[in-house]
């Protein structure tokens, strides 16, 4: 097993608002994948067979945003979570835990509340010193 996680879904109540938020703070483009009972906006993925994938999801109530319940996922914040945090409030989110160094070995982390009310973490690995 290469990764403990293979897929994640972030609940939304307003898929367009959530898409705009994540595209703004992460400087990415999410791809639509819509089915009759579920609508998704997928995070970019270079190699679906060998990487962790995920999406914003509106399932009409099966997924429910929460600031306190359920698991806390950490998205890739490389090279520096502060770059993302600097965009969060202007995009409509809140910073719950500012950039915090875990250790020189494990890098930095932060936690935000997105526009849907979800707690979402960001983590960056330490930059190699030259």
C-alpha atoms as a PDB file:
ATOM      1  CA  UNK A   1       0.000   0.000   0.000  1.00  0.00           C
ATOM      2  CA  UNK A   2       1.558   3.305  -1.130  1.00  0.00           C
ATOM      3  CA  UNK A   3      -1.013   5.655   0.427  1.00  0.00           C
ATOM      4  CA  UNK A   4      -3.447   5.139   3.272  1.00  0.00           C
ATOM      5  CA  UNK A   5      -5.953   7.298   1.401  1.00  0.00           C
ATOM      6  CA  UNK A   6      -7.095   6.604  -2.142  1.00  0.00           C
ATOM      7  CA  UNK A   7     -10.032   9.036  -2.470  1.00  0.00           C
ATOM      8  CA  UNK A   8     -11.688  11.813  -0.468  1.00  0.00           C
ATOM      9  CA  UNK A   9     -14.889  13.805  -0.820  1.00  0.00           C
ATOM     10  CA  UNK A  10     -15.443  17.279   0.627  1.00  0.00           C
ATOM     11  CA  UNK A  11     -19.154  17.999   1.184  1.00  0.00           C
ATOM     12  CA  UNK A  12     -20.729  21.131  -0.285  1.00  0.00           C
ATOM     13  CA  UNK A  13     -24.089  22.825  -0.164  1.00  0.00           C
ATOM     14  CA  UNK A  14     -23.189  25.269  -2.952  1.00  0.00           C
ATOM     15  CA  UNK A  15     -20.917  23.480  -5.410  1.00  0.00           C
ATOM     16  CA  UNK A  16     -20.147  26.573  -7.508  1.00  0.00           C
ATOM     17  CA  UNK A  17     -19.184  28.620  -4.433  1.00  0.00           C
ATOM     18  CA  UNK A  18     -16.960  25.814  -3.118  1.00  0.00           C
ATOM     19  CA  UNK A  19     -15.346  25.342  -6.524  1.00  0.00           C
ATOM     20  CA  UNK A  20     -14.513  29.046  -6.763  1.00  0.00           C
ATOM     21  CA  UNK A  21     -13.087  29.004  -3.213  1.00  0.00           C
ATOM     22  CA  UNK A  22     -10.711  26.061  -3.771  1.00  0.00           C
ATOM     23  CA  UNK A  23      -9.670  27.205  -7.242  1.00  0.00           C
ATOM     24  CA  UNK A  24      -8.851  30.626  -5.776  1.00  0.00           C
ATOM     25  CA  UNK A  25      -6.883  29.561  -2.714  1.00  0.00           C
ATOM     26  CA  UNK A  26      -5.020  26.673  -4.364  1.00  0.00           C
ATOM     27  CA  UNK A  27      -4.562  28.232  -7.827  1.00  0.00           C
ATOM     28  CA  UNK A  28      -5.962  25.118  -9.553  1.00  0.00           C
ATOM     29  CA  UNK A  29      -8.808  24.180 -11.897  1.00  0.00           C
ATOM     30  CA  UNK A  30     -11.348  21.583 -10.763  1.00  0.00           C
ATOM     31  CA  UNK A  31     -12.982  19.306 -13.345  1.00  0.00           C
ATOM     32  CA  UNK A  32     -16.732  18.566 -13.367  1.00  0.00           C
ATOM     33  CA  UNK A  33     -18.000  15.008 -13.061  1.00  0.00           C
ATOM     34  CA  UNK A  34     -21.780  14.963 -12.713  1.00  0.00           C
ATOM     35  CA  UNK A  35     -24.127  12.008 -12.324  1.00  0.00           C
ATOM     36  CA  UNK A  36     -27.913  12.016 -11.808  1.00  0.00           C
ATOM     37  CA  UNK A  37     -27.719  11.924  -7.989  1.00  0.00           C
ATOM     38  CA  UNK A  38     -24.302  13.395  -7.307  1.00  0.00           C
ATOM     39  CA  UNK A  39     -22.333  16.308  -8.687  1.00  0.00           C
ATOM     40  CA  UNK A  40     -18.567  16.517  -8.252  1.00  0.00           C
ATOM     41  CA  UNK A  41     -15.716  18.878  -8.985  1.00  0.00           C
ATOM     42  CA  UNK A  42     -12.538  16.817  -9.078  1.00  0.00           C
ATOM     43  CA  UNK A  43      -9.151  18.023  -7.869  1.00  0.00           C
ATOM     44  CA  UNK A  44      -6.352  17.761 -10.475  1.00  0.00           C
ATOM     45  CA  UNK A  45      -4.678  14.362 -10.594  1.00  0.00           C
ATOM     46  CA  UNK A  46      -1.597  13.509 -12.651  1.00  0.00           C
ATOM     47  CA  UNK A  47      -1.860   9.721 -12.419  1.00  0.00           C
ATOM     48  CA  UNK A  48      -5.204   8.307 -11.183  1.00  0.00           C
ATOM     49  CA  UNK A  49      -3.759   4.832 -10.635  1.00  0.00           C
ATOM     50  CA  UNK A  50      -0.898   5.942  -8.385  1.00  0.00           C
ATOM     51  CA  UNK A  51      -2.052   9.081  -6.583  1.00  0.00           C
ATOM     52  CA  UNK A  52      -4.694  10.120  -4.087  1.00  0.00           C
ATOM     53  CA  UNK A  53      -7.717  11.728  -5.732  1.00  0.00           C
ATOM     54  CA  UNK A  54     -10.657  13.660  -4.414  1.00  0.00           C
ATOM     55  CA  UNK A  55     -13.528  15.960  -5.175  1.00  0.00           C
ATOM     56  CA  UNK A  56     -15.957  18.549  -3.910  1.00  0.00           C
ATOM     57  CA  UNK A  57     -19.339  16.823  -3.739  1.00  0.00           C
ATOM     58  CA  UNK A  58     -22.985  17.835  -3.665  1.00  0.00           C
ATOM     59  CA  UNK A  59     -25.103  14.735  -3.164  1.00  0.00           C
ATOM     60  CA  UNK A  60     -28.354  16.328  -2.097  1.00  0.00           C
ATOM     61  CA  UNK A  61     -27.812  15.603   1.596  1.00  0.00           C
ATOM     62  CA  UNK A  62     -25.809  12.361   1.845  1.00  0.00           C
ATOM     63  CA  UNK A  63     -22.660  14.416   2.435  1.00  0.00           C
ATOM     64  CA  UNK A  64     -22.960  17.133   5.088  1.00  0.00           C
ATOM     65  CA  UNK A  65     -20.398  19.868   5.745  1.00  0.00           C
ATOM     66  CA  UNK A  66     -19.173  20.055   9.330  1.00  0.00           C
ATOM     67  CA  UNK A  67     -16.755  22.236  11.245  1.00  0.00           C
ATOM     68  CA  UNK A  68     -16.542  19.775  14.144  1.00  0.00           C
ATOM     69  CA  UNK A  69     -17.622  16.257  13.146  1.00  0.00           C
ATOM     70  CA  UNK A  70     -16.036  13.593  11.008  1.00  0.00           C
ATOM     71  CA  UNK A  71     -12.499  13.151   9.760  1.00  0.00           C
ATOM     72  CA  UNK A  72     -10.094  15.978   9.098  1.00  0.00           C
ATOM     73  CA  UNK A  73      -8.280  15.694   5.777  1.00  0.00           C
ATOM     74  CA  UNK A  74      -5.103  17.530   4.867  1.00  0.00           C
ATOM     75  CA  UNK A  75      -4.649  18.775   1.317  1.00  0.00           C
ATOM     76  CA  UNK A  76      -1.298  19.374  -0.301  1.00  0.00           C
ATOM     77  CA  UNK A  77      -0.034  22.788   0.776  1.00  0.00           C
ATOM     78  CA  UNK A  78       3.369  22.608  -0.931  1.00  0.00           C
ATOM     79  CA  UNK A  79       5.576  24.460  -1.145  1.00  0.00           C
ATOM     80  CA  UNK A  80       4.290  26.628   1.744  1.00  0.00           C
ATOM     81  CA  UNK A  81       0.862  26.538   3.435  1.00  0.00           C
ATOM     82  CA  UNK A  82       1.167  30.274   4.089  1.00  0.00           C
ATOM     83  CA  UNK A  83       0.661  30.971   0.359  1.00  0.00           C
ATOM     84  CA  UNK A  84      -2.764  29.301   0.653  1.00  0.00           C
ATOM     85  CA  UNK A  85      -3.610  30.914   3.999  1.00  0.00           C
ATOM     86  CA  UNK A  86      -2.934  34.353   2.519  1.00  0.00           C
ATOM     87  CA  UNK A  87      -5.911  33.801   0.163  1.00  0.00           C
ATOM     88  CA  UNK A  88      -8.411  32.095   2.480  1.00  0.00           C
ATOM     89  CA  UNK A  89     -10.228  35.037   4.083  1.00  0.00           C
ATOM     90  CA  UNK A  90     -10.528  37.055   0.856  1.00  0.00           C
ATOM     91  CA  UNK A  91     -12.056  33.944  -0.774  1.00  0.00           C
ATOM     92  CA  UNK A  92     -14.667  33.622   1.990  1.00  0.00           C
ATOM     93  CA  UNK A  93     -13.063  31.131   4.391  1.00  0.00           C
ATOM     94  CA  UNK A  94     -11.608  31.393   7.889  1.00  0.00           C
ATOM     95  CA  UNK A  95      -8.266  30.378   9.340  1.00  0.00           C
ATOM     96  CA  UNK A  96      -8.808  28.087  12.342  1.00  0.00           C
ATOM     97  CA  UNK A  97      -5.172  27.095  12.976  1.00  0.00           C
ATOM     98  CA  UNK A  98      -2.494  29.362  11.494  1.00  0.00           C
ATOM     99  CA  UNK A  99       0.653  27.971   9.899  1.00  0.00           C
ATOM    100  CA  UNK A 100       2.244  25.804  12.553  1.00  0.00           C
ATOM    101  CA  UNK A 101       5.556  23.996  12.280  1.00  0.00           C
ATOM    102  CA  UNK A 102       5.208  20.332  13.169  1.00  0.00           C
ATOM    103  CA  UNK A 103       8.973  19.773  13.083  1.00  0.00           C
ATOM    104  CA  UNK A 104      11.897  20.272  10.705  1.00  0.00           C
ATOM    105  CA  UNK A 105      11.371  16.677   9.595  1.00  0.00           C
ATOM    106  CA  UNK A 106       7.580  16.821   9.043  1.00  0.00           C
ATOM    107  CA  UNK A 107       7.016  20.388   7.847  1.00  0.00           C
ATOM    108  CA  UNK A 108       4.104  22.743   8.487  1.00  0.00           C
ATOM    109  CA  UNK A 109       0.337  22.498   8.816  1.00  0.00           C
ATOM    110  CA  UNK A 110      -2.703  24.756   9.064  1.00  0.00           C
ATOM    111  CA  UNK A 111      -6.473  24.272   9.310  1.00  0.00           C
ATOM    112  CA  UNK A 112      -9.165  26.398   7.692  1.00  0.00           C
ATOM    113  CA  UNK A 113     -12.943  26.536   7.534  1.00  0.00           C
ATOM    114  CA  UNK A 114     -14.058  26.621   3.900  1.00  0.00           C
ATOM    115  CA  UNK A 115     -17.088  28.405   2.442  1.00  0.00           C
ATOM    116  CA  UNK A 116     -19.234  25.342   3.176  1.00  0.00           C
ATOM    117  CA  UNK A 117     -18.288  25.137   6.871  1.00  0.00           C
ATOM    118  CA  UNK A 118     -15.862  22.185   6.572  1.00  0.00           C
ATOM    119  CA  UNK A 119     -12.626  21.932   8.546  1.00  0.00           C
ATOM    120  CA  UNK A 120      -9.852  21.315   6.022  1.00  0.00           C
ATOM    121  CA  UNK A 121      -6.162  20.970   6.798  1.00  0.00           C
ATOM    122  CA  UNK A 122      -3.195  21.837   4.625  1.00  0.00           C
ATOM    123  CA  UNK A 123       0.279  20.355   5.004  1.00  0.00           C
ATOM    124  CA  UNK A 124       3.597  21.131   3.355  1.00  0.00           C
ATOM    125  CA  UNK A 125       6.663  18.960   3.495  1.00  0.00           C
ATOM    126  CA  UNK A 126       9.931  20.576   4.563  1.00  0.00           C
ATOM    127  CA  UNK A 127      11.876  22.234   1.777  1.00  0.00           C
ATOM    128  CA  UNK A 128      15.286  20.699   1.228  1.00  0.00           C
ATOM    129  CA  UNK A 129      18.056  22.989   2.310  1.00  0.00           C
ATOM    130  CA  UNK A 130      20.672  23.727  -0.310  1.00  0.00           C
END
